């Protein structure tokens, strides 16, 4: 899951989107679980909630054709 992505890519932040971003558990116990499964002793990756709500994927899809022109 997320810990594998962090182990491979070492991002500064991971933004949870869609319905997942509405699950409070992911920002408490979920972060602790991620910390337990990353290779590094120091966990500095931020786990963030998206700012556009459940429809963030729809907004991105709507803007995608504009980027190809």
PDB file of N, CA and C in Angstrom:
ATOM      1  N   UNK A   1       0.800  -1.181   0.000  1.00  0.00           N
ATOM      2  CA  UNK A   1       0.000   0.000   0.000  1.00  0.00           C
ATOM      3  C   UNK A   1       0.849   1.254   0.000  1.00  0.00           C
ATOM      4  N   UNK A   2       0.443   2.181   0.810  1.00  0.00           N
ATOM      5  CA  UNK A   2       1.096   3.488   0.869  1.00  0.00           C
ATOM      6  C   UNK A   2       2.540   3.354   1.347  1.00  0.00           C
ATOM      7  N   UNK A   3       2.782   2.458   2.280  1.00  0.00           N
ATOM      8  CA  UNK A   3       4.158   2.296   2.771  1.00  0.00           C
ATOM      9  C   UNK A   3       5.092   1.815   1.659  1.00  0.00           C
ATOM     10  N   UNK A   4       4.611   0.984   0.743  1.00  0.00           N
ATOM     11  CA  UNK A   4       5.430   0.538  -0.386  1.00  0.00           C
ATOM     12  C   UNK A   4       5.772   1.698  -1.307  1.00  0.00           C
ATOM     13  N   UNK A   5       4.802   2.562  -1.563  1.00  0.00           N
ATOM     14  CA  UNK A   5       5.045   3.742  -2.404  1.00  0.00           C
ATOM     15  C   UNK A   5       6.092   4.636  -1.748  1.00  0.00           C
ATOM     16  N   UNK A   6       5.972   4.832  -0.441  1.00  0.00           N
ATOM     17  CA  UNK A   6       6.934   5.672   0.278  1.00  0.00           C
ATOM     18  C   UNK A   6       8.323   5.040   0.249  1.00  0.00           C
ATOM     19  N   UNK A   7       8.412   3.724   0.427  1.00  0.00           N
ATOM     20  CA  UNK A   7       9.709   3.042   0.393  1.00  0.00           C
ATOM     21  C   UNK A   7      10.381   3.163  -0.967  1.00  0.00           C
ATOM     22  N   UNK A   8       9.601   3.117  -2.041  1.00  0.00           N
ATOM     23  CA  UNK A   8      10.167   3.136  -3.393  1.00  0.00           C
ATOM     24  C   UNK A   8      10.444   4.560  -3.874  1.00  0.00           C
ATOM     25  N   UNK A   9       9.485   5.471  -3.695  1.00  0.00           N
ATOM     26  CA  UNK A   9       9.596   6.808  -4.282  1.00  0.00           C
ATOM     27  C   UNK A   9      10.118   7.885  -3.324  1.00  0.00           C
ATOM     28  N   UNK A  10      10.012   7.653  -2.025  1.00  0.00           N
ATOM     29  CA  UNK A  10      10.423   8.619  -1.003  1.00  0.00           C
ATOM     30  C   UNK A  10       9.842  10.020  -1.267  1.00  0.00           C
ATOM     31  N   UNK A  11       8.501  10.129  -1.366  1.00  0.00           N
ATOM     32  CA  UNK A  11       7.897  11.439  -1.637  1.00  0.00           C
ATOM     33  C   UNK A  11       7.915  12.337  -0.403  1.00  0.00           C
ATOM     34  N   UNK A  12       7.812  13.652  -0.632  1.00  0.00           N
ATOM     35  CA  UNK A  12       7.687  14.595   0.473  1.00  0.00           C
ATOM     36  C   UNK A  12       6.305  14.505   1.107  1.00  0.00           C
ATOM     37  N   UNK A  13       5.297  14.178   0.279  1.00  0.00           N
ATOM     38  CA  UNK A  13       3.921  14.108   0.776  1.00  0.00           C
ATOM     39  C   UNK A  13       3.118  13.111  -0.052  1.00  0.00           C
ATOM     40  N   UNK A  14       2.098  12.549   0.581  1.00  0.00           N
ATOM     41  CA  UNK A  14       1.120  11.696  -0.083  1.00  0.00           C
ATOM     42  C   UNK A  14      -0.233  12.332   0.171  1.00  0.00           C
ATOM     43  N   UNK A  15      -0.984  12.611  -0.889  1.00  0.00           N
ATOM     44  CA  UNK A  15      -2.300  13.234  -0.758  1.00  0.00           C
ATOM     45  C   UNK A  15      -3.358  12.165  -0.994  1.00  0.00           C
ATOM     46  N   UNK A  16      -4.201  11.959   0.010  1.00  0.00           N
ATOM     47  CA  UNK A  16      -5.291  11.002  -0.118  1.00  0.00           C
ATOM     48  C   UNK A  16      -6.471  11.707  -0.762  1.00  0.00           C
ATOM     49  N   UNK A  17      -7.077  11.058  -1.752  1.00  0.00           N
ATOM     50  CA  UNK A  17      -8.185  11.670  -2.467  1.00  0.00           C
ATOM     51  C   UNK A  17      -9.424  10.812  -2.456  1.00  0.00           C
ATOM     52  N   UNK A  18     -10.489  11.360  -2.996  1.00  0.00           N
ATOM     53  CA  UNK A  18     -11.750  10.642  -3.100  1.00  0.00           C
ATOM     54  C   UNK A  18     -12.319  10.286  -1.747  1.00  0.00           C
ATOM     55  N   UNK A  19     -13.044   9.197  -1.703  1.00  0.00           N
ATOM     56  CA  UNK A  19     -13.676   8.765  -0.468  1.00  0.00           C
ATOM     57  C   UNK A  19     -12.696   8.407   0.630  1.00  0.00           C
ATOM     58  N   UNK A  20     -11.486   7.981   0.256  1.00  0.00           N
ATOM     59  CA  UNK A  20     -10.478   7.655   1.267  1.00  0.00           C
ATOM     60  C   UNK A  20     -10.147   8.834   2.165  1.00  0.00           C
ATOM     61  N   UNK A  21     -10.195  10.020   1.614  1.00  0.00           N
ATOM     62  CA  UNK A  21      -9.810  11.195   2.395  1.00  0.00           C
ATOM     63  C   UNK A  21     -10.803  11.502   3.510  1.00  0.00           C
ATOM     64  N   UNK A  22     -11.960  10.866   3.502  1.00  0.00           N
ATOM     65  CA  UNK A  22     -12.981  11.118   4.527  1.00  0.00           C
ATOM     66  C   UNK A  22     -12.927  10.132   5.684  1.00  0.00           C
ATOM     67  N   UNK A  23     -11.921   9.284   5.731  1.00  0.00           N
ATOM     68  CA  UNK A  23     -11.812   8.285   6.788  1.00  0.00           C
ATOM     69  C   UNK A  23     -10.798   8.778   7.825  1.00  0.00           C
ATOM     70  N   UNK A  24     -11.269   9.292   8.963  1.00  0.00           N
ATOM     71  CA  UNK A  24     -10.355   9.846   9.977  1.00  0.00           C
ATOM     72  C   UNK A  24      -9.302   8.859  10.463  1.00  0.00           C
ATOM     73  N   UNK A  25      -9.632   7.578  10.491  1.00  0.00           N
ATOM     74  CA  UNK A  25      -8.715   6.531  10.925  1.00  0.00           C
ATOM     75  C   UNK A  25      -7.392   6.583  10.161  1.00  0.00           C
ATOM     76  N   UNK A  26      -7.436   6.950   8.896  1.00  0.00           N
ATOM     77  CA  UNK A  26      -6.228   6.962   8.075  1.00  0.00           C
ATOM     78  C   UNK A  26      -5.226   8.020   8.512  1.00  0.00           C
ATOM     79  N   UNK A  27      -5.694   9.048   9.200  1.00  0.00           N
ATOM     80  CA  UNK A  27      -4.807  10.133   9.630  1.00  0.00           C
ATOM     81  C   UNK A  27      -4.290   9.926  11.049  1.00  0.00           C
ATOM     82  N   UNK A  28      -4.728   8.863  11.710  1.00  0.00           N
ATOM     83  CA  UNK A  28      -4.266   8.558  13.067  1.00  0.00           C
ATOM     84  C   UNK A  28      -3.605   7.186  13.066  1.00  0.00           C
ATOM     85  N   UNK A  29      -4.382   6.141  13.245  1.00  0.00           N
ATOM     86  CA  UNK A  29      -3.833   4.786  13.281  1.00  0.00           C
ATOM     87  C   UNK A  29      -3.202   4.392  11.948  1.00  0.00           C
ATOM     88  N   UNK A  30      -3.745   4.908  10.855  1.00  0.00           N
ATOM     89  CA  UNK A  30      -3.192   4.597   9.539  1.00  0.00           C
ATOM     90  C   UNK A  30      -1.771   5.100   9.381  1.00  0.00           C
ATOM     91  N   UNK A  31      -1.514   6.309   9.863  1.00  0.00           N
ATOM     92  CA  UNK A  31      -0.155   6.865   9.779  1.00  0.00           C
ATOM     93  C   UNK A  31       0.799   6.039  10.637  1.00  0.00           C
ATOM     94  N   UNK A  32       0.345   5.607  11.795  1.00  0.00           N
ATOM     95  CA  UNK A  32       1.197   4.774  12.646  1.00  0.00           C
ATOM     96  C   UNK A  32       1.528   3.455  11.951  1.00  0.00           C
ATOM     97  N   UNK A  33       0.559   2.879  11.276  1.00  0.00           N
ATOM     98  CA  UNK A  33       0.793   1.635  10.542  1.00  0.00           C
ATOM     99  C   UNK A  33       1.808   1.842   9.424  1.00  0.00           C
ATOM    100  N   UNK A  34       1.703   2.969   8.733  1.00  0.00           N
ATOM    101  CA  UNK A  34       2.672   3.280   7.674  1.00  0.00           C
ATOM    102  C   UNK A  34       4.075   3.401   8.277  1.00  0.00           C
ATOM    103  N   UNK A  35       4.180   4.115   9.399  1.00  0.00           N
ATOM    104  CA  UNK A  35       5.485   4.281  10.058  1.00  0.00           C
ATOM    105  C   UNK A  35       6.100   2.926  10.406  1.00  0.00           C
ATOM    106  N   UNK A  36       5.255   1.981  10.804  1.00  0.00           N
ATOM    107  CA  UNK A  36       5.741   0.652  11.185  1.00  0.00           C
ATOM    108  C   UNK A  36       6.251  -0.151   9.999  1.00  0.00           C
ATOM    109  N   UNK A  37       5.877   0.249   8.773  1.00  0.00           N
ATOM    110  CA  UNK A  37       6.229  -0.549   7.597  1.00  0.00           C
ATOM    111  C   UNK A  37       7.189   0.133   6.621  1.00  0.00           C
ATOM    112  N   UNK A  38       7.630   1.341   6.911  1.00  0.00           N
ATOM    113  CA  UNK A  38       8.625   1.962   6.036  1.00  0.00           C
ATOM    114  C   UNK A  38      10.020   1.546   6.481  1.00  0.00           C
ATOM    115  N   UNK A  39      10.958   1.529   5.547  1.00  0.00           N
ATOM    116  CA  UNK A  39      12.306   1.064   5.826  1.00  0.00           C
ATOM    117  C   UNK A  39      13.112   2.041   6.674  1.00  0.00           C
ATOM    118  N   UNK A  40      12.848   3.319   6.531  1.00  0.00           N
ATOM    119  CA  UNK A  40      13.628   4.338   7.219  1.00  0.00           C
ATOM    120  C   UNK A  40      13.244   4.435   8.693  1.00  0.00           C
ATOM    121  N   UNK A  41      14.229   4.749   9.527  1.00  0.00           N
ATOM    122  CA  UNK A  41      13.947   4.964  10.946  1.00  0.00           C
ATOM    123  C   UNK A  41      13.226   6.286  11.181  1.00  0.00           C
ATOM    124  N   UNK A  42      13.418   7.237  10.255  1.00  0.00           N
ATOM    125  CA  UNK A  42      12.763   8.538  10.366  1.00  0.00           C
ATOM    126  C   UNK A  42      11.669   8.631   9.312  1.00  0.00           C
ATOM    127  N   UNK A  43      10.445   8.885   9.764  1.00  0.00           N
ATOM    128  CA  UNK A  43       9.305   9.009   8.853  1.00  0.00           C
ATOM    129  C   UNK A  43       8.956  10.487   8.731  1.00  0.00           C
ATOM    130  N   UNK A  44       9.257  11.069   7.577  1.00  0.00           N
ATOM    131  CA  UNK A  44       9.029  12.496   7.380  1.00  0.00           C
ATOM    132  C   UNK A  44       7.985  12.797   6.307  1.00  0.00           C
ATOM    133  N   UNK A  45       7.481  11.783   5.635  1.00  0.00           N
ATOM    134  CA  UNK A  45       6.493  11.981   4.579  1.00  0.00           C
ATOM    135  C   UNK A  45       5.181  12.448   5.193  1.00  0.00           C
ATOM    136  N   UNK A  46       4.641  13.530   4.664  1.00  0.00           N
ATOM    137  CA  UNK A  46       3.363  14.049   5.158  1.00  0.00           C
ATOM    138  C   UNK A  46       2.218  13.304   4.478  1.00  0.00           C
ATOM    139  N   UNK A  47       1.215  12.938   5.256  1.00  0.00           N
ATOM    140  CA  UNK A  47      -0.001  12.336   4.729  1.00  0.00           C
ATOM    141  C   UNK A  47      -1.068  13.415   4.799  1.00  0.00           C
ATOM    142  N   UNK A  48      -1.541  13.874   3.647  1.00  0.00           N
ATOM    143  CA  UNK A  48      -2.435  15.030   3.578  1.00  0.00           C
ATOM    144  C   UNK A  48      -3.797  14.667   3.009  1.00  0.00           C
ATOM    145  N   UNK A  49      -4.800  15.426   3.416  1.00  0.00           N
ATOM    146  CA  UNK A  49      -6.140  15.292   2.852  1.00  0.00           C
ATOM    147  C   UNK A  49      -6.247  16.254   1.672  1.00  0.00           C
ATOM    148  N   UNK A  50      -6.872  15.799   0.589  1.00  0.00           N
ATOM    149  CA  UNK A  50      -7.007  16.672  -0.582  1.00  0.00           C
ATOM    150  C   UNK A  50      -7.906  17.857  -0.259  1.00  0.00           C
ATOM    151  N   UNK A  51      -7.750  18.922  -1.006  1.00  0.00           N
ATOM    152  CA  UNK A  51      -8.517  20.140  -0.749  1.00  0.00           C
ATOM    153  C   UNK A  51      -9.786  20.247  -1.591  1.00  0.00           C
ATOM    154  N   UNK A  52      -9.943  19.378  -2.582  1.00  0.00           N
ATOM    155  CA  UNK A  52     -11.091  19.474  -3.477  1.00  0.00           C
ATOM    156  C   UNK A  52     -12.210  18.494  -3.140  1.00  0.00           C
ATOM    157  N   UNK A  53     -12.051  17.717  -2.081  1.00  0.00           N
ATOM    158  CA  UNK A  53     -13.109  16.801  -1.675  1.00  0.00           C
ATOM    159  C   UNK A  53     -13.188  15.549  -2.528  1.00  0.00           C
ATOM    160  N   UNK A  54     -14.336  14.890  -2.464  1.00  0.00           N
ATOM    161  CA  UNK A  54     -14.526  13.617  -3.157  1.00  0.00           C
ATOM    162  C   UNK A  54     -14.428  13.735  -4.675  1.00  0.00           C
ATOM    163  N   UNK A  55     -14.605  14.917  -5.205  1.00  0.00           N
ATOM    164  CA  UNK A  55     -14.632  15.102  -6.655  1.00  0.00           C
ATOM    165  C   UNK A  55     -13.296  15.534  -7.236  1.00  0.00           C
ATOM    166  N   UNK A  56     -12.232  15.412  -6.500  1.00  0.00           N
ATOM    167  CA  UNK A  56     -10.939  15.886  -7.005  1.00  0.00           C
ATOM    168  C   UNK A  56     -10.524  15.163  -8.279  1.00  0.00           C
ATOM    169  N   UNK A  57     -10.823  13.879  -8.397  1.00  0.00           N
ATOM    170  CA  UNK A  57     -10.498  13.141  -9.617  1.00  0.00           C
ATOM    171  C   UNK A  57     -11.270  13.647 -10.813  1.00  0.00           C
ATOM    172  N   UNK A  58     -12.518  14.041 -10.597  1.00  0.00           N
ATOM    173  CA  UNK A  58     -13.345  14.585 -11.675  1.00  0.00           C
ATOM    174  C   UNK A  58     -12.775  15.917 -12.157  1.00  0.00           C
ATOM    175  N   UNK A  59     -12.342  16.767 -11.215  1.00  0.00           N
ATOM    176  CA  UNK A  59     -11.740  18.046 -11.604  1.00  0.00           C
ATOM    177  C   UNK A  59     -10.474  17.822 -12.424  1.00  0.00           C
ATOM    178  N   UNK A  60      -9.645  16.887 -11.999  1.00  0.00           N
ATOM    179  CA  UNK A  60      -8.417  16.587 -12.737  1.00  0.00           C
ATOM    180  C   UNK A  60      -8.701  16.057 -14.128  1.00  0.00           C
ATOM    181  N   UNK A  61      -9.699  15.176 -14.236  1.00  0.00           N
ATOM    182  CA  UNK A  61     -10.062  14.629 -15.546  1.00  0.00           C
ATOM    183  C   UNK A  61     -10.596  15.721 -16.465  1.00  0.00           C
ATOM    184  N   UNK A  62     -11.329  16.669 -15.906  1.00  0.00           N
ATOM    185  CA  UNK A  62     -11.877  17.761 -16.711  1.00  0.00           C
ATOM    186  C   UNK A  62     -10.766  18.682 -17.229  1.00  0.00           C
ATOM    187  N   UNK A  63      -9.706  18.833 -16.464  1.00  0.00           N
ATOM    188  CA  UNK A  63      -8.605  19.707 -16.875  1.00  0.00           C
ATOM    189  C   UNK A  63      -7.601  19.014 -17.790  1.00  0.00           C
ATOM    190  N   UNK A  64      -7.600  17.710 -17.832  1.00  0.00           N
ATOM    191  CA  UNK A  64      -6.626  16.955 -18.615  1.00  0.00           C
ATOM    192  C   UNK A  64      -6.606  17.330 -20.096  1.00  0.00           C
ATOM    193  N   UNK A  65      -7.760  17.439 -20.777  1.00  0.00           N
ATOM    194  CA  UNK A  65      -7.707  17.812 -22.205  1.00  0.00           C
ATOM    195  C   UNK A  65      -7.063  19.178 -22.443  1.00  0.00           C
ATOM    196  N   UNK A  66      -7.166  20.090 -21.504  1.00  0.00           N
ATOM    197  CA  UNK A  66      -6.554  21.416 -21.659  1.00  0.00           C
ATOM    198  C   UNK A  66      -5.039  21.330 -21.711  1.00  0.00           C
ATOM    199  N   UNK A  67      -4.454  20.382 -21.014  1.00  0.00           N
ATOM    200  CA  UNK A  67      -3.005  20.253 -20.975  1.00  0.00           C
ATOM    201  C   UNK A  67      -2.435  19.691 -22.266  1.00  0.00           C
ATOM    202  N   UNK A  68      -3.233  18.984 -23.054  1.00  0.00           N
ATOM    203  CA  UNK A  68      -2.726  18.375 -24.278  1.00  0.00           C
ATOM    204  C   UNK A  68      -2.798  19.300 -25.474  1.00  0.00           C
ATOM    205  N   UNK A  69      -3.475  20.416 -25.335  1.00  0.00           N
ATOM    206  CA  UNK A  69      -3.599  21.354 -26.468  1.00  0.00           C
ATOM    207  C   UNK A  69      -2.410  22.269 -26.570  1.00  0.00           C
TER     208      UNK A  69
END
